């Protein structure tokens, strides 16, 4: 069941889908911070889950939109992620959304699409840290993000495909044949 197709959605349904997954992507870190403190975000990467799932379900356009909107809305509501790293979180999460959806549309393999997006998304983050003016050191920042976030990465690899497969079955009548 690894060869899955991207949902075929109308523009209105896509907009509703992007809205819903963006809301979930904003609420999940808020819940994680409430339950586990600020460190829970860096450890479990809760913002990433619905960005990745949305991209795998609805394609790169939806994934990119969810990935850009989520950190911006989260910051405007909660101040998280901090302003110093906000541009880089936007770059990273938007890259995950774009790449996961793009790979899914091209390869039709949820596992390869997800892992490819997770690896290349961090490469995009690294490039952003090198190319944009910042006081953050690129390599230590990315290594620290992976070192601290390994639990979240593992959970993404385990849970996102299961959730996407389940949602595809539930929304079966929306899948392009």
C-alpha atoms as a PDB file:
ATOM      1  CA  UNK A   1       0.000   0.000   0.000  1.00  0.00           C
ATOM      2  CA  UNK A   2       2.967   2.319  -0.497  1.00  0.00           C
ATOM      3  CA  UNK A   3       1.845   3.451  -3.942  1.00  0.00           C
ATOM      4  CA  UNK A   4      -0.742   6.045  -3.024  1.00  0.00           C
ATOM      5  CA  UNK A   5      -2.188   8.797  -5.132  1.00  0.00           C
ATOM      6  CA  UNK A   6      -2.629  12.403  -4.129  1.00  0.00           C
ATOM      7  CA  UNK A   7      -6.188  13.474  -3.387  1.00  0.00           C
ATOM      8  CA  UNK A   8      -7.971  15.114  -6.286  1.00  0.00           C
ATOM      9  CA  UNK A   9      -9.552  18.198  -4.724  1.00  0.00           C
ATOM     10  CA  UNK A  10     -11.394  21.164  -6.169  1.00  0.00           C
ATOM     11  CA  UNK A  11     -10.023  24.638  -5.419  1.00  0.00           C
ATOM     12  CA  UNK A  12     -12.630  25.222  -2.709  1.00  0.00           C
ATOM     13  CA  UNK A  13     -11.973  21.856  -1.082  1.00  0.00           C
ATOM     14  CA  UNK A  14      -8.227  22.489  -1.293  1.00  0.00           C
ATOM     15  CA  UNK A  15      -8.643  25.858   0.431  1.00  0.00           C
ATOM     16  CA  UNK A  16     -10.702  24.238   3.206  1.00  0.00           C
ATOM     17  CA  UNK A  17      -8.148  21.447   3.482  1.00  0.00           C
ATOM     18  CA  UNK A  18      -5.254  23.955   3.732  1.00  0.00           C
ATOM     19  CA  UNK A  19      -7.171  25.950   6.335  1.00  0.00           C
ATOM     20  CA  UNK A  20      -7.935  22.862   8.444  1.00  0.00           C
ATOM     21  CA  UNK A  21      -4.394  21.486   8.326  1.00  0.00           C
ATOM     22  CA  UNK A  22      -2.918  24.922   9.057  1.00  0.00           C
ATOM     23  CA  UNK A  23      -5.160  25.245  12.112  1.00  0.00           C
ATOM     24  CA  UNK A  24      -4.093  21.775  13.270  1.00  0.00           C
ATOM     25  CA  UNK A  25      -0.433  22.661  12.640  1.00  0.00           C
ATOM     26  CA  UNK A  26      -0.789  25.780  14.777  1.00  0.00           C
ATOM     27  CA  UNK A  27      -2.760  24.110  17.580  1.00  0.00           C
ATOM     28  CA  UNK A  28      -0.523  21.054  17.923  1.00  0.00           C
ATOM     29  CA  UNK A  29       2.562  23.017  19.105  1.00  0.00           C
ATOM     30  CA  UNK A  30       0.367  25.041  21.458  1.00  0.00           C
ATOM     31  CA  UNK A  31      -0.881  21.796  22.996  1.00  0.00           C
ATOM     32  CA  UNK A  32       2.654  20.363  23.137  1.00  0.00           C
ATOM     33  CA  UNK A  33       3.954  23.482  24.889  1.00  0.00           C
ATOM     34  CA  UNK A  34       1.045  23.415  27.324  1.00  0.00           C
ATOM     35  CA  UNK A  35       1.639  19.775  28.204  1.00  0.00           C
ATOM     36  CA  UNK A  36       5.416  19.602  27.998  1.00  0.00           C
ATOM     37  CA  UNK A  37       6.776  23.126  28.182  1.00  0.00           C
ATOM     38  CA  UNK A  38       8.641  25.065  25.535  1.00  0.00           C
ATOM     39  CA  UNK A  39      11.187  22.250  25.099  1.00  0.00           C
ATOM     40  CA  UNK A  40       8.445  19.941  23.792  1.00  0.00           C
ATOM     41  CA  UNK A  41       8.408  21.863  20.523  1.00  0.00           C
ATOM     42  CA  UNK A  42      12.112  21.380  19.873  1.00  0.00           C
ATOM     43  CA  UNK A  43      11.992  17.728  20.960  1.00  0.00           C
ATOM     44  CA  UNK A  44       8.816  16.515  19.233  1.00  0.00           C
ATOM     45  CA  UNK A  45       8.503  18.977  16.305  1.00  0.00           C
ATOM     46  CA  UNK A  46       4.700  19.123  16.557  1.00  0.00           C
ATOM     47  CA  UNK A  47       4.347  21.791  13.856  1.00  0.00           C
ATOM     48  CA  UNK A  48       5.744  19.431  11.221  1.00  0.00           C
ATOM     49  CA  UNK A  49       3.178  16.620  11.468  1.00  0.00           C
ATOM     50  CA  UNK A  50       0.200  18.257   9.778  1.00  0.00           C
ATOM     51  CA  UNK A  51       2.380  20.085   7.251  1.00  0.00           C
ATOM     52  CA  UNK A  52       3.816  16.743   6.113  1.00  0.00           C
ATOM     53  CA  UNK A  53       0.467  14.956   6.222  1.00  0.00           C
ATOM     54  CA  UNK A  54      -1.260  17.752   4.320  1.00  0.00           C
ATOM     55  CA  UNK A  55       1.394  17.705   1.622  1.00  0.00           C
ATOM     56  CA  UNK A  56       1.257  13.924   1.256  1.00  0.00           C
ATOM     57  CA  UNK A  57      -2.520  14.064   0.997  1.00  0.00           C
ATOM     58  CA  UNK A  58      -3.127  17.118  -1.163  1.00  0.00           C
ATOM     59  CA  UNK A  59       0.116  17.812  -3.019  1.00  0.00           C
ATOM     60  CA  UNK A  60       2.931  20.296  -3.056  1.00  0.00           C
ATOM     61  CA  UNK A  61       0.781  23.422  -3.438  1.00  0.00           C
ATOM     62  CA  UNK A  62      -1.205  22.623  -0.299  1.00  0.00           C
ATOM     63  CA  UNK A  63       1.948  21.504   1.537  1.00  0.00           C
ATOM     64  CA  UNK A  64       3.752  24.712   0.629  1.00  0.00           C
ATOM     65  CA  UNK A  65       0.795  26.858   1.725  1.00  0.00           C
ATOM     66  CA  UNK A  66       0.426  25.009   5.031  1.00  0.00           C
ATOM     67  CA  UNK A  67       4.191  25.185   5.550  1.00  0.00           C
ATOM     68  CA  UNK A  68       4.363  28.942   5.023  1.00  0.00           C
ATOM     69  CA  UNK A  69       1.184  29.853   6.910  1.00  0.00           C
ATOM     70  CA  UNK A  70       1.714  27.681   9.985  1.00  0.00           C
ATOM     71  CA  UNK A  71       4.804  29.321  11.520  1.00  0.00           C
ATOM     72  CA  UNK A  72       3.625  32.817  10.590  1.00  0.00           C
ATOM     73  CA  UNK A  73       0.221  32.349  12.221  1.00  0.00           C
ATOM     74  CA  UNK A  74       1.769  30.563  15.197  1.00  0.00           C
ATOM     75  CA  UNK A  75       4.197  33.428  15.721  1.00  0.00           C
ATOM     76  CA  UNK A  76       1.443  36.030  15.443  1.00  0.00           C
ATOM     77  CA  UNK A  77      -0.684  34.213  18.041  1.00  0.00           C
ATOM     78  CA  UNK A  78       1.925  32.888  20.476  1.00  0.00           C
ATOM     79  CA  UNK A  79       5.296  34.452  19.707  1.00  0.00           C
ATOM     80  CA  UNK A  80       6.578  30.979  18.865  1.00  0.00           C
ATOM     81  CA  UNK A  81       8.834  30.196  17.134  1.00  0.00           C
ATOM     82  CA  UNK A  82      10.996  33.086  18.386  1.00  0.00           C
ATOM     83  CA  UNK A  83      11.514  35.986  15.976  1.00  0.00           C
ATOM     84  CA  UNK A  84      15.231  35.219  15.589  1.00  0.00           C
ATOM     85  CA  UNK A  85      14.529  31.795  14.070  1.00  0.00           C
ATOM     86  CA  UNK A  86      11.124  32.485  12.486  1.00  0.00           C
ATOM     87  CA  UNK A  87      12.437  33.067   8.941  1.00  0.00           C
ATOM     88  CA  UNK A  88      14.351  29.798   9.085  1.00  0.00           C
ATOM     89  CA  UNK A  89      11.395  27.859  10.465  1.00  0.00           C
ATOM     90  CA  UNK A  90       9.268  29.231   7.614  1.00  0.00           C
ATOM     91  CA  UNK A  91      11.926  28.143   5.100  1.00  0.00           C
ATOM     92  CA  UNK A  92      12.294  24.699   6.668  1.00  0.00           C
ATOM     93  CA  UNK A  93       8.611  23.906   7.153  1.00  0.00           C
ATOM     94  CA  UNK A  94       7.663  25.285   3.741  1.00  0.00           C
ATOM     95  CA  UNK A  95      10.387  23.090   2.218  1.00  0.00           C
ATOM     96  CA  UNK A  96       8.960  20.025   3.996  1.00  0.00           C
ATOM     97  CA  UNK A  97       5.496  20.798   2.688  1.00  0.00           C
ATOM     98  CA  UNK A  98       6.644  21.436  -0.852  1.00  0.00           C
ATOM     99  CA  UNK A  99       9.037  18.473  -1.027  1.00  0.00           C
ATOM    100  CA  UNK A 100       6.719  15.910   0.573  1.00  0.00           C
ATOM    101  CA  UNK A 101       3.900  16.822  -1.806  1.00  0.00           C
ATOM    102  CA  UNK A 102       6.170  17.035  -4.836  1.00  0.00           C
ATOM    103  CA  UNK A 103       7.832  13.677  -4.157  1.00  0.00           C
ATOM    104  CA  UNK A 104       4.465  12.042  -3.492  1.00  0.00           C
ATOM    105  CA  UNK A 105       3.112  13.287  -6.810  1.00  0.00           C
ATOM    106  CA  UNK A 106       6.214  12.111  -8.689  1.00  0.00           C
ATOM    107  CA  UNK A 107       7.142   8.869  -6.897  1.00  0.00           C
ATOM    108  CA  UNK A 108       3.760   7.764  -5.517  1.00  0.00           C
ATOM    109  CA  UNK A 109       5.570   6.285  -2.506  1.00  0.00           C
ATOM    110  CA  UNK A 110       4.628   7.736   0.861  1.00  0.00           C
ATOM    111  CA  UNK A 111       7.706   6.444   2.706  1.00  0.00           C
ATOM    112  CA  UNK A 112      10.269   7.695   0.185  1.00  0.00           C
ATOM    113  CA  UNK A 113       8.405  10.978  -0.150  1.00  0.00           C
ATOM    114  CA  UNK A 114       8.401  11.559   3.599  1.00  0.00           C
ATOM    115  CA  UNK A 115      12.024  10.581   4.231  1.00  0.00           C
ATOM    116  CA  UNK A 116      13.194  12.498   1.155  1.00  0.00           C
ATOM    117  CA  UNK A 117      11.358  15.599   2.348  1.00  0.00           C
ATOM    118  CA  UNK A 118      12.806  15.289   5.862  1.00  0.00           C
ATOM    119  CA  UNK A 119      16.362  15.001   4.549  1.00  0.00           C
ATOM    120  CA  UNK A 120      16.151  17.644   1.826  1.00  0.00           C
ATOM    121  CA  UNK A 121      14.123  19.973   4.046  1.00  0.00           C
ATOM    122  CA  UNK A 122      17.033  20.115   6.459  1.00  0.00           C
ATOM    123  CA  UNK A 123      19.391  20.728   3.542  1.00  0.00           C
ATOM    124  CA  UNK A 124      17.197  23.677   2.529  1.00  0.00           C
ATOM    125  CA  UNK A 125      17.331  24.944   6.131  1.00  0.00           C
ATOM    126  CA  UNK A 126      21.128  24.666   6.046  1.00  0.00           C
ATOM    127  CA  UNK A 127      21.275  26.603   2.758  1.00  0.00           C
ATOM    128  CA  UNK A 128      18.972  29.282   4.174  1.00  0.00           C
ATOM    129  CA  UNK A 129      21.202  29.683   7.208  1.00  0.00           C
ATOM    130  CA  UNK A 130      24.227  30.123   4.948  1.00  0.00           C
ATOM    131  CA  UNK A 131      22.615  32.454   2.421  1.00  0.00           C
ATOM    132  CA  UNK A 132      20.548  34.738   4.669  1.00  0.00           C
ATOM    133  CA  UNK A 133      22.067  37.166   7.160  1.00  0.00           C
ATOM    134  CA  UNK A 134      21.960  35.662  10.633  1.00  0.00           C
ATOM    135  CA  UNK A 135      24.047  35.278  13.761  1.00  0.00           C
ATOM    136  CA  UNK A 136      23.174  31.568  13.805  1.00  0.00           C
ATOM    137  CA  UNK A 137      25.937  29.179  12.747  1.00  0.00           C
ATOM    138  CA  UNK A 138      24.483  26.929  10.040  1.00  0.00           C
ATOM    139  CA  UNK A 139      26.028  23.555  10.819  1.00  0.00           C
ATOM    140  CA  UNK A 140      25.653  23.674  14.628  1.00  0.00           C
ATOM    141  CA  UNK A 141      22.046  24.888  14.270  1.00  0.00           C
ATOM    142  CA  UNK A 142      21.042  22.061  11.913  1.00  0.00           C
ATOM    143  CA  UNK A 143      22.954  19.405  13.895  1.00  0.00           C
ATOM    144  CA  UNK A 144      21.337  20.625  17.107  1.00  0.00           C
ATOM    145  CA  UNK A 145      17.889  20.590  15.468  1.00  0.00           C
ATOM    146  CA  UNK A 146      18.345  16.964  14.407  1.00  0.00           C
ATOM    147  CA  UNK A 147      19.940  15.949  17.720  1.00  0.00           C
ATOM    148  CA  UNK A 148      17.168  17.550  19.775  1.00  0.00           C
ATOM    149  CA  UNK A 149      14.365  16.612  17.377  1.00  0.00           C
ATOM    150  CA  UNK A 150      15.181  12.937  16.770  1.00  0.00           C
ATOM    151  CA  UNK A 151      12.097  11.882  18.771  1.00  0.00           C
ATOM    152  CA  UNK A 152       9.857  14.022  16.587  1.00  0.00           C
ATOM    153  CA  UNK A 153      11.548  12.777  13.419  1.00  0.00           C
ATOM    154  CA  UNK A 154      11.025   9.157  14.512  1.00  0.00           C
ATOM    155  CA  UNK A 155       7.378   9.864  15.360  1.00  0.00           C
ATOM    156  CA  UNK A 156       6.873  11.556  11.989  1.00  0.00           C
ATOM    157  CA  UNK A 157       8.265   8.543  10.155  1.00  0.00           C
ATOM    158  CA  UNK A 158       6.070   6.194  12.203  1.00  0.00           C
ATOM    159  CA  UNK A 159       2.823   8.160  12.513  1.00  0.00           C
ATOM    160  CA  UNK A 160       2.471  10.397   9.456  1.00  0.00           C
ATOM    161  CA  UNK A 161       2.269   7.549   6.896  1.00  0.00           C
ATOM    162  CA  UNK A 162      -0.223   5.641   9.065  1.00  0.00           C
ATOM    163  CA  UNK A 163      -2.377   8.756   9.451  1.00  0.00           C
ATOM    164  CA  UNK A 164      -2.183   9.556   5.727  1.00  0.00           C
ATOM    165  CA  UNK A 165      -3.057   5.987   4.713  1.00  0.00           C
ATOM    166  CA  UNK A 166      -5.985   5.999   7.156  1.00  0.00           C
ATOM    167  CA  UNK A 167      -7.241   9.360   5.888  1.00  0.00           C
ATOM    168  CA  UNK A 168      -6.950   8.154   2.295  1.00  0.00           C
ATOM    169  CA  UNK A 169      -9.104   5.151   3.116  1.00  0.00           C
ATOM    170  CA  UNK A 170     -11.612   7.360   4.923  1.00  0.00           C
ATOM    171  CA  UNK A 171     -11.659   9.902   2.062  1.00  0.00           C
ATOM    172  CA  UNK A 172     -11.508   7.200  -0.617  1.00  0.00           C
ATOM    173  CA  UNK A 173     -14.171   8.774  -2.784  1.00  0.00           C
ATOM    174  CA  UNK A 174     -11.991  11.904  -3.143  1.00  0.00           C
ATOM    175  CA  UNK A 175      -8.946  10.050  -4.465  1.00  0.00           C
ATOM    176  CA  UNK A 176      -8.132  10.539  -8.133  1.00  0.00           C
ATOM    177  CA  UNK A 177      -8.294   7.161  -9.868  1.00  0.00           C
END
